[in-house]
Every structure is written in C-alpha cells, then in structure tokens.
PDB file of all heavy atoms in Angstrom:
ATOM      1  N   GLY A   1       0.804  -1.211   0.000  1.00  0.00           N
ATOM      2  CA  GLY A   1       0.000   0.000   0.000  1.00  0.00           C
ATOM      3  C   GLY A   1       0.840   1.267   0.000  1.00  0.00           C
ATOM      4  O   GLY A   1       2.073   1.236  -0.006  1.00  0.00           O
ATOM      5  N   VAL A   2       0.134   2.389   0.034  1.00  0.00           N
ATOM      6  CA  VAL A   2       0.755   3.707   0.011  1.00  0.00           C
ATOM      7  C   VAL A   2       0.991   4.165   1.443  1.00  0.00           C
ATOM      8  O   VAL A   2       0.071   4.142   2.266  1.00  0.00           O
ATOM      9  CB  VAL A   2      -0.151   4.707  -0.726  1.00  0.00           C
ATOM     10  CG1 VAL A   2       0.455   6.103  -0.693  1.00  0.00           C
ATOM     11  CG2 VAL A   2      -0.401   4.248  -2.162  1.00  0.00           C
ATOM     12  N   GLU A   3       2.203   4.597   1.754  1.00  0.00           N
ATOM     13  CA  GLU A   3       2.483   5.145   3.081  1.00  0.00           C
ATOM     14  C   GLU A   3       1.858   6.524   3.210  1.00  0.00           C
ATOM     15  O   GLU A   3       2.020   7.371   2.338  1.00  0.00           O
ATOM     16  CB  GLU A   3       3.991   5.223   3.338  1.00  0.00           C
ATOM     17  CG  GLU A   3       4.581   3.926   3.830  1.00  0.00           C
ATOM     18  CD  GLU A   3       5.920   4.125   4.540  1.00  0.00           C
ATOM     19  OE1 GLU A   3       6.127   5.208   5.137  1.00  0.00           O
ATOM     20  OE2 GLU A   3       6.737   3.202   4.480  1.00  0.00           O
ATOM     21  N   VAL A   4       1.134   6.733   4.313  1.00  0.00           N
ATOM     22  CA  VAL A   4       0.471   8.012   4.564  1.00  0.00           C
ATOM     23  C   VAL A   4       0.667   8.399   6.026  1.00  0.00           C
ATOM     24  O   VAL A   4       0.979   7.563   6.882  1.00  0.00           O
ATOM     25  CB  VAL A   4      -1.046   7.933   4.267  1.00  0.00           C
ATOM     26  CG1 VAL A   4      -1.316   7.720   2.786  1.00  0.00           C
ATOM     27  CG2 VAL A   4      -1.709   6.841   5.103  1.00  0.00           C
ATOM     28  N   ASP A   5       0.469   9.691   6.298  1.00  0.00           N
ATOM     29  CA  ASP A   5       0.380  10.177   7.675  1.00  0.00           C
ATOM     30  C   ASP A   5      -1.051  10.012   8.143  1.00  0.00           C
ATOM     31  O   ASP A   5      -1.999  10.400   7.440  1.00  0.00           O
ATOM     32  CB  ASP A   5       0.784  11.654   7.752  1.00  0.00           C
ATOM     33  CG  ASP A   5       2.264  11.862   7.515  1.00  0.00           C
ATOM     34  OD1 ASP A   5       3.063  11.116   8.123  1.00  0.00           O
ATOM     35  OD2 ASP A   5       2.621  12.753   6.723  1.00  0.00           O
ATOM     36  N   PHE A   6      -1.207   9.460   9.348  1.00  0.00           N
ATOM     37  CA  PHE A   6      -2.541   9.147   9.853  1.00  0.00           C
ATOM     38  C   PHE A   6      -2.486   9.224  11.374  1.00  0.00           C
ATOM     39  O   PHE A   6      -1.800   8.428  12.010  1.00  0.00           O
ATOM     40  CB  PHE A   6      -2.936   7.739   9.383  1.00  0.00           C
ATOM     41  CG  PHE A   6      -4.376   7.357   9.611  1.00  0.00           C
ATOM     42  CD1 PHE A   6      -5.408   8.057   9.007  1.00  0.00           C
ATOM     43  CD2 PHE A   6      -4.695   6.271  10.409  1.00  0.00           C
ATOM     44  CE1 PHE A   6      -6.727   7.687   9.186  1.00  0.00           C
ATOM     45  CE2 PHE A   6      -6.013   5.888  10.598  1.00  0.00           C
ATOM     46  CZ  PHE A   6      -7.029   6.599   9.985  1.00  0.00           C
ATOM     47  N   PHE A   7      -3.165  10.217  11.947  1.00  0.00           N
ATOM     48  CA  PHE A   7      -3.126  10.424  13.387  1.00  0.00           C
ATOM     49  C   PHE A   7      -1.687  10.459  13.913  1.00  0.00           C
ATOM     50  O   PHE A   7      -1.321   9.751  14.844  1.00  0.00           O
ATOM     51  CB  PHE A   7      -3.953   9.361  14.121  1.00  0.00           C
ATOM     52  CG  PHE A   7      -5.432   9.490  13.911  1.00  0.00           C
ATOM     53  CD1 PHE A   7      -6.126   8.560  13.148  1.00  0.00           C
ATOM     54  CD2 PHE A   7      -6.133  10.547  14.457  1.00  0.00           C
ATOM     55  CE1 PHE A   7      -7.491   8.681  12.941  1.00  0.00           C
ATOM     56  CE2 PHE A   7      -7.502  10.686  14.262  1.00  0.00           C
ATOM     57  CZ  PHE A   7      -8.184   9.757  13.505  1.00  0.00           C
ATOM     58  N   ALA A   8      -0.886  11.304  13.278  1.00  0.00           N
ATOM     59  CA  ALA A   8       0.487  11.576  13.719  1.00  0.00           C
ATOM     60  C   ALA A   8       1.388  10.347  13.675  1.00  0.00           C
ATOM     61  O   ALA A   8       2.359  10.257  14.430  1.00  0.00           O
ATOM     62  CB  ALA A   8       0.495  12.189  15.117  1.00  0.00           C
ATOM     63  N   GLY A   9       1.084   9.402  12.826  1.00  0.00           N
ATOM     64  CA  GLY A   9       1.932   8.235  12.636  1.00  0.00           C
ATOM     65  C   GLY A   9       1.900   7.802  11.182  1.00  0.00           C
ATOM     66  O   GLY A   9       1.077   8.291  10.385  1.00  0.00           O
ATOM     67  N   ARG A  10       2.795   6.896  10.810  1.00  0.00           N
ATOM     68  CA  ARG A  10       2.853   6.383   9.452  1.00  0.00           C
ATOM     69  C   ARG A  10       2.147   5.038   9.380  1.00  0.00           C
ATOM     70  O   ARG A  10       2.347   4.163  10.231  1.00  0.00           O
ATOM     71  CB  ARG A  10       4.307   6.224   8.994  1.00  0.00           C
ATOM     72  CG  ARG A  10       5.103   7.500   8.972  1.00  0.00           C
ATOM     73  CD  ARG A  10       4.616   8.474   7.917  1.00  0.00           C
ATOM     74  NE  ARG A  10       4.938   8.034   6.551  1.00  0.00           N
ATOM     75  CZ  ARG A  10       4.519   8.689   5.464  1.00  0.00           C
ATOM     76  NH1 ARG A  10       3.742   9.752   5.560  1.00  0.00           N
ATOM     77  NH2 ARG A  10       4.863   8.254   4.255  1.00  0.00           N
ATOM     78  N   THR A  11       1.325   4.887   8.354  1.00  0.00           N
ATOM     79  CA  THR A  11       0.664   3.619   8.102  1.00  0.00           C
ATOM     80  C   THR A  11       0.540   3.450   6.591  1.00  0.00           C
ATOM     81  O   THR A  11       0.921   4.334   5.829  1.00  0.00           O
ATOM     82  CB  THR A  11      -0.712   3.547   8.783  1.00  0.00           C
ATOM     83  OG1 THR A  11      -1.235   2.214   8.661  1.00  0.00           O
ATOM     84  CG2 THR A  11      -1.704   4.516   8.161  1.00  0.00           C
ATOM     85  N   ARG A  12       0.046   2.299   6.155  1.00  0.00           N
ATOM     86  CA  ARG A  12      -0.187   2.066   4.735  1.00  0.00           C
ATOM     87  C   ARG A  12      -1.677   1.952   4.477  1.00  0.00           C
ATOM     88  O   ARG A  12      -2.407   1.320   5.247  1.00  0.00           O
ATOM     89  CB  ARG A  12       0.512   0.776   4.271  1.00  0.00           C
ATOM     90  CG  ARG A  12       2.027   0.837   4.269  1.00  0.00           C
ATOM     91  CD  ARG A  12       2.602  -0.398   3.585  1.00  0.00           C
ATOM     92  NE  ARG A  12       4.059  -0.437   3.656  1.00  0.00           N
ATOM     93  CZ  ARG A  12       4.742  -1.100   4.584  1.00  0.00           C
ATOM     94  NH1 ARG A  12       4.097  -1.798   5.511  1.00  0.00           N
ATOM     95  NH2 ARG A  12       6.054  -1.076   4.584  1.00  0.00           N
ATOM     96  N   MET A  13      -2.096   2.527   3.372  1.00  0.00           N
ATOM     97  CA  MET A  13      -3.481   2.411   2.936  1.00  0.00           C
ATOM     98  C   MET A  13      -3.508   1.938   1.485  1.00  0.00           C
ATOM     99  O   MET A  13      -2.561   2.184   0.728  1.00  0.00           O
ATOM    100  CB  MET A  13      -4.218   3.746   3.087  1.00  0.00           C
ATOM    101  CG  MET A  13      -4.418   4.130   4.546  1.00  0.00           C
ATOM    102  SD  MET A  13      -5.434   5.601   4.774  1.00  0.00           S
ATOM    103  CE  MET A  13      -5.504   5.617   6.580  1.00  0.00           C
ATOM    104  N   PRO A  14      -4.567   1.259   1.081  1.00  0.00           N
ATOM    105  CA  PRO A  14      -4.607   0.703  -0.272  1.00  0.00           C
ATOM    106  C   PRO A  14      -4.636   1.800  -1.329  1.00  0.00           C
ATOM    107  O   PRO A  14      -5.264   2.848  -1.162  1.00  0.00           O
ATOM    108  CB  PRO A  14      -5.892  -0.127  -0.279  1.00  0.00           C
ATOM    109  CG  PRO A  14      -6.710   0.420   0.832  1.00  0.00           C
ATOM    110  CD  PRO A  14      -5.760   0.892   1.869  1.00  0.00           C
ATOM    111  N   ALA A  15      -3.978   1.532  -2.436  1.00  0.00           N
ATOM    112  CA  ALA A  15      -3.939   2.487  -3.540  1.00  0.00           C
ATOM    113  C   ALA A  15      -5.187   2.423  -4.403  1.00  0.00           C
ATOM    114  O   ALA A  15      -5.428   3.330  -5.212  1.00  0.00           O
ATOM    115  CB  ALA A  15      -2.702   2.212  -4.409  1.00  0.00           C
ATOM    116  N   GLY A  16      -5.990   1.376  -4.241  1.00  0.00           N
ATOM    117  CA  GLY A  16      -7.113   1.116  -5.135  1.00  0.00           C
ATOM    118  C   GLY A  16      -8.074   2.273  -5.344  1.00  0.00           C
ATOM    119  O   GLY A  16      -8.385   2.615  -6.497  1.00  0.00           O
ATOM    120  N   PRO A  17      -8.603   2.899  -4.266  1.00  0.00           N
ATOM    121  CA  PRO A  17      -9.570   3.982  -4.497  1.00  0.00           C
ATOM    122  C   PRO A  17      -9.000   5.118  -5.340  1.00  0.00           C
ATOM    123  O   PRO A  17      -9.641   5.600  -6.272  1.00  0.00           O
ATOM    124  CB  PRO A  17      -9.924   4.436  -3.083  1.00  0.00           C
ATOM    125  CG  PRO A  17      -9.698   3.219  -2.228  1.00  0.00           C
ATOM    126  CD  PRO A  17      -8.505   2.544  -2.836  1.00  0.00           C
ATOM    127  N   ALA A  18      -7.766   5.561  -5.008  1.00  0.00           N
ATOM    128  CA  ALA A  18      -7.157   6.654  -5.767  1.00  0.00           C
ATOM    129  C   ALA A  18      -6.866   6.233  -7.206  1.00  0.00           C
ATOM    130  O   ALA A  18      -7.152   6.969  -8.157  1.00  0.00           O
ATOM    131  CB  ALA A  18      -5.877   7.110  -5.074  1.00  0.00           C
ATOM    132  N   LEU A  19      -6.307   5.048  -7.371  1.00  0.00           N
ATOM    133  CA  LEU A  19      -5.946   4.577  -8.701  1.00  0.00           C
ATOM    134  C   LEU A  19      -7.179   4.432  -9.584  1.00  0.00           C
ATOM    135  O   LEU A  19      -7.169   4.813 -10.769  1.00  0.00           O
ATOM    136  CB  LEU A  19      -5.206   3.241  -8.588  1.00  0.00           C
ATOM    137  CG  LEU A  19      -4.624   2.662  -9.878  1.00  0.00           C
ATOM    138  CD1 LEU A  19      -3.645   3.631 -10.517  1.00  0.00           C
ATOM    139  CD2 LEU A  19      -3.934   1.319  -9.582  1.00  0.00           C
ATOM    140  N   LEU A  20      -8.247   3.913  -9.025  1.00  0.00           N
ATOM    141  CA  LEU A  20      -9.472   3.707  -9.795  1.00  0.00           C
ATOM    142  C   LEU A  20     -10.080   5.049 -10.222  1.00  0.00           C
ATOM    143  O   LEU A  20     -10.525   5.205 -11.370  1.00  0.00           O
ATOM    144  CB  LEU A  20     -10.470   2.907  -8.958  1.00  0.00           C
ATOM    145  CG  LEU A  20     -11.663   2.269  -9.655  1.00  0.00           C
ATOM    146  CD1 LEU A  20     -11.214   1.358 -10.780  1.00  0.00           C
ATOM    147  CD2 LEU A  20     -12.495   1.489  -8.634  1.00  0.00           C
ATOM    148  N   ALA A  21     -10.082   6.026  -9.307  1.00  0.00           N
ATOM    149  CA  ALA A  21     -10.628   7.340  -9.649  1.00  0.00           C
ATOM    150  C   ALA A  21      -9.773   8.022 -10.716  1.00  0.00           C
ATOM    151  O   ALA A  21     -10.305   8.616 -11.663  1.00  0.00           O
ATOM    152  CB  ALA A  21     -10.711   8.205  -8.397  1.00  0.00           C
ATOM    153  N   LEU A  22      -8.446   7.922 -10.585  1.00  0.00           N
ATOM    154  CA  LEU A  22      -7.567   8.544 -11.573  1.00  0.00           C
ATOM    155  C   LEU A  22      -7.675   7.845 -12.931  1.00  0.00           C
ATOM    156  O   LEU A  22      -7.596   8.475 -13.979  1.00  0.00           O
ATOM    157  CB  LEU A  22      -6.123   8.512 -11.077  1.00  0.00           C
ATOM    158  CG  LEU A  22      -5.811   9.437  -9.896  1.00  0.00           C
ATOM    159  CD1 LEU A  22      -4.423   9.133  -9.329  1.00  0.00           C
ATOM    160  CD2 LEU A  22      -5.899  10.897 -10.325  1.00  0.00           C
ATOM    161  N   ARG A  23      -7.872   6.542 -12.903  1.00  0.00           N
ATOM    162  CA  ARG A  23      -7.952   5.771 -14.144  1.00  0.00           C
ATOM    163  C   ARG A  23      -9.238   6.065 -14.906  1.00  0.00           C
ATOM    164  O   ARG A  23      -9.248   6.071 -16.145  1.00  0.00           O
ATOM    165  CB  ARG A  23      -7.870   4.280 -13.802  1.00  0.00           C
ATOM    166  CG  ARG A  23      -7.886   3.337 -14.985  1.00  0.00           C
ATOM    167  CD  ARG A  23      -7.656   1.908 -14.511  1.00  0.00           C
ATOM    168  NE  ARG A  23      -7.603   0.960 -15.605  1.00  0.00           N
ATOM    169  CZ  ARG A  23      -7.298  -0.333 -15.468  1.00  0.00           C
ATOM    170  NH1 ARG A  23      -7.005  -0.820 -14.268  1.00  0.00           N
ATOM    171  NH2 ARG A  23      -7.281  -1.138 -16.507  1.00  0.00           N
ATOM    172  N   THR A  24     -10.329   6.319 -14.175  1.00  0.00           N
ATOM    173  CA  THR A  24     -11.639   6.446 -14.809  1.00  0.00           C
ATOM    174  C   THR A  24     -12.174   7.873 -14.835  1.00  0.00           C
ATOM    175  O   THR A  24     -13.079   8.171 -15.631  1.00  0.00           O
ATOM    176  CB  THR A  24     -12.670   5.578 -14.071  1.00  0.00           C
ATOM    177  OG1 THR A  24     -12.832   6.076 -12.731  1.00  0.00           O
ATOM    178  CG2 THR A  24     -12.224   4.122 -14.036  1.00  0.00           C
ATOM    179  N   GLY A  25     -11.660   8.731 -13.952  1.00  0.00           N
ATOM    180  CA  GLY A  25     -12.230  10.060 -13.818  1.00  0.00           C
ATOM    181  C   GLY A  25     -13.517  10.084 -13.022  1.00  0.00           C
ATOM    182  O   GLY A  25     -14.176  11.130 -12.909  1.00  0.00           O
ATOM    183  N   ALA A  26     -13.917   8.946 -12.444  1.00  0.00           N
ATOM    184  CA  ALA A  26     -15.143   8.884 -11.647  1.00  0.00           C
ATOM    185  C   ALA A  26     -14.986   9.720 -10.378  1.00  0.00           C
ATOM    186  O   ALA A  26     -13.879   9.831  -9.835  1.00  0.00           O
ATOM    187  CB  ALA A  26     -15.460   7.433 -11.282  1.00  0.00           C
ATOM    188  N   PRO A  27     -16.059  10.317  -9.893  1.00  0.00           N
ATOM    189  CA  PRO A  27     -15.973  11.068  -8.641  1.00  0.00           C
ATOM    190  C   PRO A  27     -15.562  10.157  -7.489  1.00  0.00           C
ATOM    191  O   PRO A  27     -15.995   9.004  -7.407  1.00  0.00           O
ATOM    192  CB  PRO A  27     -17.381  11.620  -8.444  1.00  0.00           C
ATOM    193  CG  PRO A  27     -18.260  10.790  -9.327  1.00  0.00           C
ATOM    194  CD  PRO A  27     -17.421  10.343 -10.465  1.00  0.00           C
ATOM    195  N   LEU A  28     -14.722  10.696  -6.605  1.00  0.00           N
ATOM    196  CA  LEU A  28     -14.196   9.953  -5.463  1.00  0.00           C
ATOM    197  C   LEU A  28     -14.667  10.624  -4.182  1.00  0.00           C
ATOM    198  O   LEU A  28     -14.373  11.804  -3.949  1.00  0.00           O
ATOM    199  CB  LEU A  28     -12.671   9.921  -5.519  1.00  0.00           C
ATOM    200  CG  LEU A  28     -11.932   9.395  -4.288  1.00  0.00           C
ATOM    201  CD1 LEU A  28     -12.307   7.945  -3.997  1.00  0.00           C
ATOM    202  CD2 LEU A  28     -10.422   9.536  -4.472  1.00  0.00           C
ATOM    203  N   TYR A  29     -15.394   9.874  -3.374  1.00  0.00           N
ATOM    204  CA  TYR A  29     -15.882  10.365  -2.084  1.00  0.00           C
ATOM    205  C   TYR A  29     -15.208   9.593  -0.954  1.00  0.00           C
ATOM    206  O   TYR A  29     -14.757   8.456  -1.142  1.00  0.00           O
ATOM    207  CB  TYR A  29     -17.400  10.175  -1.968  1.00  0.00           C
ATOM    208  CG  TYR A  29     -18.195  10.858  -3.046  1.00  0.00           C
ATOM    209  CD1 TYR A  29     -18.603  10.162  -4.182  1.00  0.00           C
ATOM    210  CD2 TYR A  29     -18.541  12.198  -2.939  1.00  0.00           C
ATOM    211  CE1 TYR A  29     -19.329  10.783  -5.183  1.00  0.00           C
ATOM    212  CE2 TYR A  29     -19.282  12.829  -3.936  1.00  0.00           C
ATOM    213  CZ  TYR A  29     -19.669  12.118  -5.057  1.00  0.00           C
ATOM    214  OH  TYR A  29     -20.385  12.737  -6.045  1.00  0.00           O
ATOM    215  N   VAL A  30     -15.186  10.213   0.218  1.00  0.00           N
ATOM    216  CA  VAL A  30     -14.756   9.526   1.439  1.00  0.00           C
ATOM    217  C   VAL A  30     -15.927   9.547   2.407  1.00  0.00           C
ATOM    218  O   VAL A  30     -16.533  10.600   2.644  1.00  0.00           O
ATOM    219  CB  VAL A  30     -13.529  10.195   2.067  1.00  0.00           C
ATOM    220  CG1 VAL A  30     -13.130   9.463   3.348  1.00  0.00           C
ATOM    221  CG2 VAL A  30     -12.363  10.198   1.085  1.00  0.00           C
ATOM    222  N   ALA A  31     -16.256   8.389   2.941  1.00  0.00           N
ATOM    223  CA  ALA A  31     -17.397   8.272   3.844  1.00  0.00           C
ATOM    224  C   ALA A  31     -16.948   8.315   5.294  1.00  0.00           C
ATOM    225  O   ALA A  31     -15.927   7.728   5.667  1.00  0.00           O
ATOM    226  CB  ALA A  31     -18.146   6.969   3.577  1.00  0.00           C
ATOM    227  N   SER A  32     -17.710   9.015   6.096  1.00  0.00           N
ATOM    228  CA  SER A  32     -17.635   8.909   7.549  1.00  0.00           C
ATOM    229  C   SER A  32     -18.818   8.049   7.976  1.00  0.00           C
ATOM    230  O   SER A  32     -19.943   8.274   7.517  1.00  0.00           O
ATOM    231  CB  SER A  32     -17.720  10.297   8.178  1.00  0.00           C
ATOM    232  OG  SER A  32     -17.795  10.218   9.596  1.00  0.00           O
ATOM    233  N   MET A  33     -18.577   7.059   8.840  1.00  0.00           N
ATOM    234  CA  MET A  33     -19.638   6.110   9.192  1.00  0.00           C
ATOM    235  C   MET A  33     -19.710   5.966  10.705  1.00  0.00           C
ATOM    236  O   MET A  33     -18.689   5.879  11.385  1.00  0.00           O
ATOM    237  CB  MET A  33     -19.380   4.760   8.519  1.00  0.00           C
ATOM    238  CG  MET A  33     -19.219   4.872   7.009  1.00  0.00           C
ATOM    239  SD  MET A  33     -19.058   3.278   6.181  1.00  0.00           S
ATOM    240  CE  MET A  33     -20.730   2.684   6.305  1.00  0.00           C
ATOM    241  N   TRP A  34     -20.945   5.916  11.217  1.00  0.00           N
ATOM    242  CA  TRP A  34     -21.137   5.819  12.668  1.00  0.00           C
ATOM    243  C   TRP A  34     -22.532   5.276  12.958  1.00  0.00           C
ATOM    244  O   TRP A  34     -23.336   5.055  12.049  1.00  0.00           O
ATOM    245  CB  TRP A  34     -20.944   7.190  13.316  1.00  0.00           C
ATOM    246  CG  TRP A  34     -22.025   8.194  13.018  1.00  0.00           C
ATOM    247  CD1 TRP A  34     -23.127   8.476  13.778  1.00  0.00           C
ATOM    248  CD2 TRP A  34     -22.117   9.046  11.860  1.00  0.00           C
ATOM    249  NE1 TRP A  34     -23.887   9.449  13.179  1.00  0.00           N
ATOM    250  CE2 TRP A  34     -23.292   9.828  12.017  1.00  0.00           C
ATOM    251  CE3 TRP A  34     -21.317   9.236  10.733  1.00  0.00           C
ATOM    252  CZ2 TRP A  34     -23.681  10.767  11.061  1.00  0.00           C
ATOM    253  CZ3 TRP A  34     -21.707  10.182   9.794  1.00  0.00           C
ATOM    254  CH2 TRP A  34     -22.859  10.926   9.955  1.00  0.00           C
ATOM    255  N   TYR A  35     -22.791   5.089  14.233  1.00  0.00           N
ATOM    256  CA  TYR A  35     -24.094   4.620  14.695  1.00  0.00           C
ATOM    257  C   TYR A  35     -24.831   5.710  15.463  1.00  0.00           C
ATOM    258  O   TYR A  35     -24.226   6.441  16.251  1.00  0.00           O
ATOM    259  CB  TYR A  35     -23.941   3.424  15.638  1.00  0.00           C
ATOM    260  CG  TYR A  35     -23.854   2.083  14.960  1.00  0.00           C
ATOM    261  CD1 TYR A  35     -22.774   1.236  15.203  1.00  0.00           C
ATOM    262  CD2 TYR A  35     -24.851   1.643  14.103  1.00  0.00           C
ATOM    263  CE1 TYR A  35     -22.700  -0.016  14.600  1.00  0.00           C
ATOM    264  CE2 TYR A  35     -24.781   0.407  13.496  1.00  0.00           C
ATOM    265  CZ  TYR A  35     -23.708  -0.426  13.750  1.00  0.00           C
ATOM    266  OH  TYR A  35     -23.630  -1.658  13.146  1.00  0.00           O
ATOM    267  N   GLU A  36     -26.129   5.812  15.223  1.00  0.00           N
ATOM    268  CA  GLU A  36     -27.064   6.495  16.105  1.00  0.00           C
ATOM    269  C   GLU A  36     -27.914   5.409  16.764  1.00  0.00           C
ATOM    270  O   GLU A  36     -27.920   4.261  16.288  1.00  0.00           O
ATOM    271  CB  GLU A  36     -27.943   7.468  15.323  1.00  0.00           C
ATOM    272  CG  GLU A  36     -27.186   8.603  14.649  1.00  0.00           C
ATOM    273  CD  GLU A  36     -26.593   9.602  15.628  1.00  0.00           C
ATOM    274  OE1 GLU A  36     -26.958   9.554  16.824  1.00  0.00           O
ATOM    275  OE2 GLU A  36     -25.762  10.438  15.201  1.00  0.00           O
ATOM    276  N   PRO A  37     -28.622   5.727  17.849  1.00  0.00           N
ATOM    277  CA  PRO A  37     -29.411   4.670  18.511  1.00  0.00           C
ATOM    278  C   PRO A  37     -30.378   3.945  17.582  1.00  0.00           C
ATOM    279  O   PRO A  37     -30.597   2.738  17.722  1.00  0.00           O
ATOM    280  CB  PRO A  37     -30.153   5.450  19.610  1.00  0.00           C
ATOM    281  CG  PRO A  37     -29.250   6.595  19.934  1.00  0.00           C
ATOM    282  CD  PRO A  37     -28.637   6.989  18.616  1.00  0.00           C
ATOM    283  N   ASP A  38     -30.948   4.664  16.607  1.00  0.00           N
ATOM    284  CA  ASP A  38     -31.988   4.067  15.777  1.00  0.00           C
ATOM    285  C   ASP A  38     -31.539   3.671  14.387  1.00  0.00           C
ATOM    286  O   ASP A  38     -32.325   3.118  13.608  1.00  0.00           O
ATOM    287  CB  ASP A  38     -33.160   5.043  15.650  1.00  0.00           C
ATOM    288  CG  ASP A  38     -32.763   6.330  14.933  1.00  0.00           C
ATOM    289  OD1 ASP A  38     -31.596   6.743  15.060  1.00  0.00           O
ATOM    290  OD2 ASP A  38     -33.620   6.921  14.239  1.00  0.00           O
ATOM    291  N   ALA A  39     -30.278   3.938  14.014  1.00  0.00           N
ATOM    292  CA  ALA A  39     -29.863   3.667  12.634  1.00  0.00           C
ATOM    293  C   ALA A  39     -28.347   3.717  12.512  1.00  0.00           C
ATOM    294  O   ALA A  39     -27.657   4.325  13.337  1.00  0.00           O
ATOM    295  CB  ALA A  39     -30.488   4.687  11.674  1.00  0.00           C
ATOM    296  N   ALA A  40     -27.842   3.062  11.460  1.00  0.00           N
ATOM    297  CA  ALA A  40     -26.462   3.269  11.031  1.00  0.00           C
ATOM    298  C   ALA A  40     -26.455   4.480  10.106  1.00  0.00           C
ATOM    299  O   ALA A  40     -27.372   4.658   9.300  1.00  0.00           O
ATOM    300  CB  ALA A  40     -25.936   2.042  10.303  1.00  0.00           C
ATOM    301  N   CYS A  41     -25.420   5.318  10.223  1.00  0.00           N
ATOM    302  CA  CYS A  41     -25.395   6.580   9.486  1.00  0.00           C
ATOM    303  C   CYS A  41     -24.071   6.748   8.759  1.00  0.00           C
ATOM    304  O   CYS A  41     -23.063   6.128   9.116  1.00  0.00           O
ATOM    305  CB  CYS A  41     -25.600   7.762  10.435  1.00  0.00           C
ATOM    306  SG  CYS A  41     -27.179   7.731  11.308  1.00  0.00           S
ATOM    307  N   ALA A  42     -24.095   7.605   7.753  1.00  0.00           N
ATOM    308  CA  ALA A  42     -22.877   7.936   7.018  1.00  0.00           C
ATOM    309  C   ALA A  42     -23.034   9.310   6.403  1.00  0.00           C
ATOM    310  O   ALA A  42     -24.153   9.794   6.184  1.00  0.00           O
ATOM    311  CB  ALA A  42     -22.592   6.900   5.928  1.00  0.00           C
ATOM    312  N   SER A  43     -21.907   9.947   6.150  1.00  0.00           N
ATOM    313  CA  SER A  43     -21.887  11.194   5.394  1.00  0.00           C
ATOM    314  C   SER A  43     -20.754  11.120   4.382  1.00  0.00           C
ATOM    315  O   SER A  43     -19.758  10.411   4.595  1.00  0.00           O
ATOM    316  CB  SER A  43     -21.710  12.401   6.314  1.00  0.00           C
ATOM    317  OG  SER A  43     -20.447  12.361   6.956  1.00  0.00           O
ATOM    318  N   LEU A  44     -20.906  11.833   3.293  1.00  0.00           N
ATOM    319  CA  LEU A  44     -19.915  11.819   2.217  1.00  0.00           C
ATOM    320  C   LEU A  44     -19.161  13.143   2.177  1.00  0.00           C
ATOM    321  O   LEU A  44     -19.765  14.214   2.262  1.00  0.00           O
ATOM    322  CB  LEU A  44     -20.586  11.591   0.861  1.00  0.00           C
ATOM    323  CG  LEU A  44     -21.268  10.244   0.629  1.00  0.00           C
ATOM    324  CD1 LEU A  44     -21.852  10.193  -0.776  1.00  0.00           C
ATOM    325  CD2 LEU A  44     -20.313   9.088   0.845  1.00  0.00           C
ATOM    326  N   GLU A  45     -17.850  13.070   2.032  1.00  0.00           N
ATOM    327  CA  GLU A  45     -17.033  14.231   1.714  1.00  0.00           C
ATOM    328  C   GLU A  45     -16.549  14.080   0.279  1.00  0.00           C
ATOM    329  O   GLU A  45     -16.057  13.026  -0.105  1.00  0.00           O
ATOM    330  CB  GLU A  45     -15.827  14.344   2.645  1.00  0.00           C
ATOM    331  CG  GLU A  45     -14.945  15.543   2.312  1.00  0.00           C
ATOM    332  CD  GLU A  45     -13.727  15.678   3.198  1.00  0.00           C
ATOM    333  OE1 GLU A  45     -13.670  14.987   4.238  1.00  0.00           O
ATOM    334  OE2 GLU A  45     -12.823  16.458   2.852  1.00  0.00           O
TER     335      GLU A  45
END
C-alpha cells in the first residue's frame, strides 16, 4: 500500500480507491460512518 500520515503516525493504505478514480475520472468520495441509537449513518465528503 501507500504510506500516509494518519493520526500523527505512518501507516499504509490501499492504492485502489485513488488509482481507480484517476484511471476512470469517476468522482471519489470519502465516507464517515457511525451509529445512532436508531440507525447506522454515514456522510460523504
């Protein structure tokens, strides 16, 4: 994977999402996901 800074440390993340978006020009979103008492929720950036 690709080395990135993440919470003040180094880790690796997969290249797939970036590579696929660059290869196709498709819009690339990042989801935030969490729970509320009555539902699973997400938001897109």
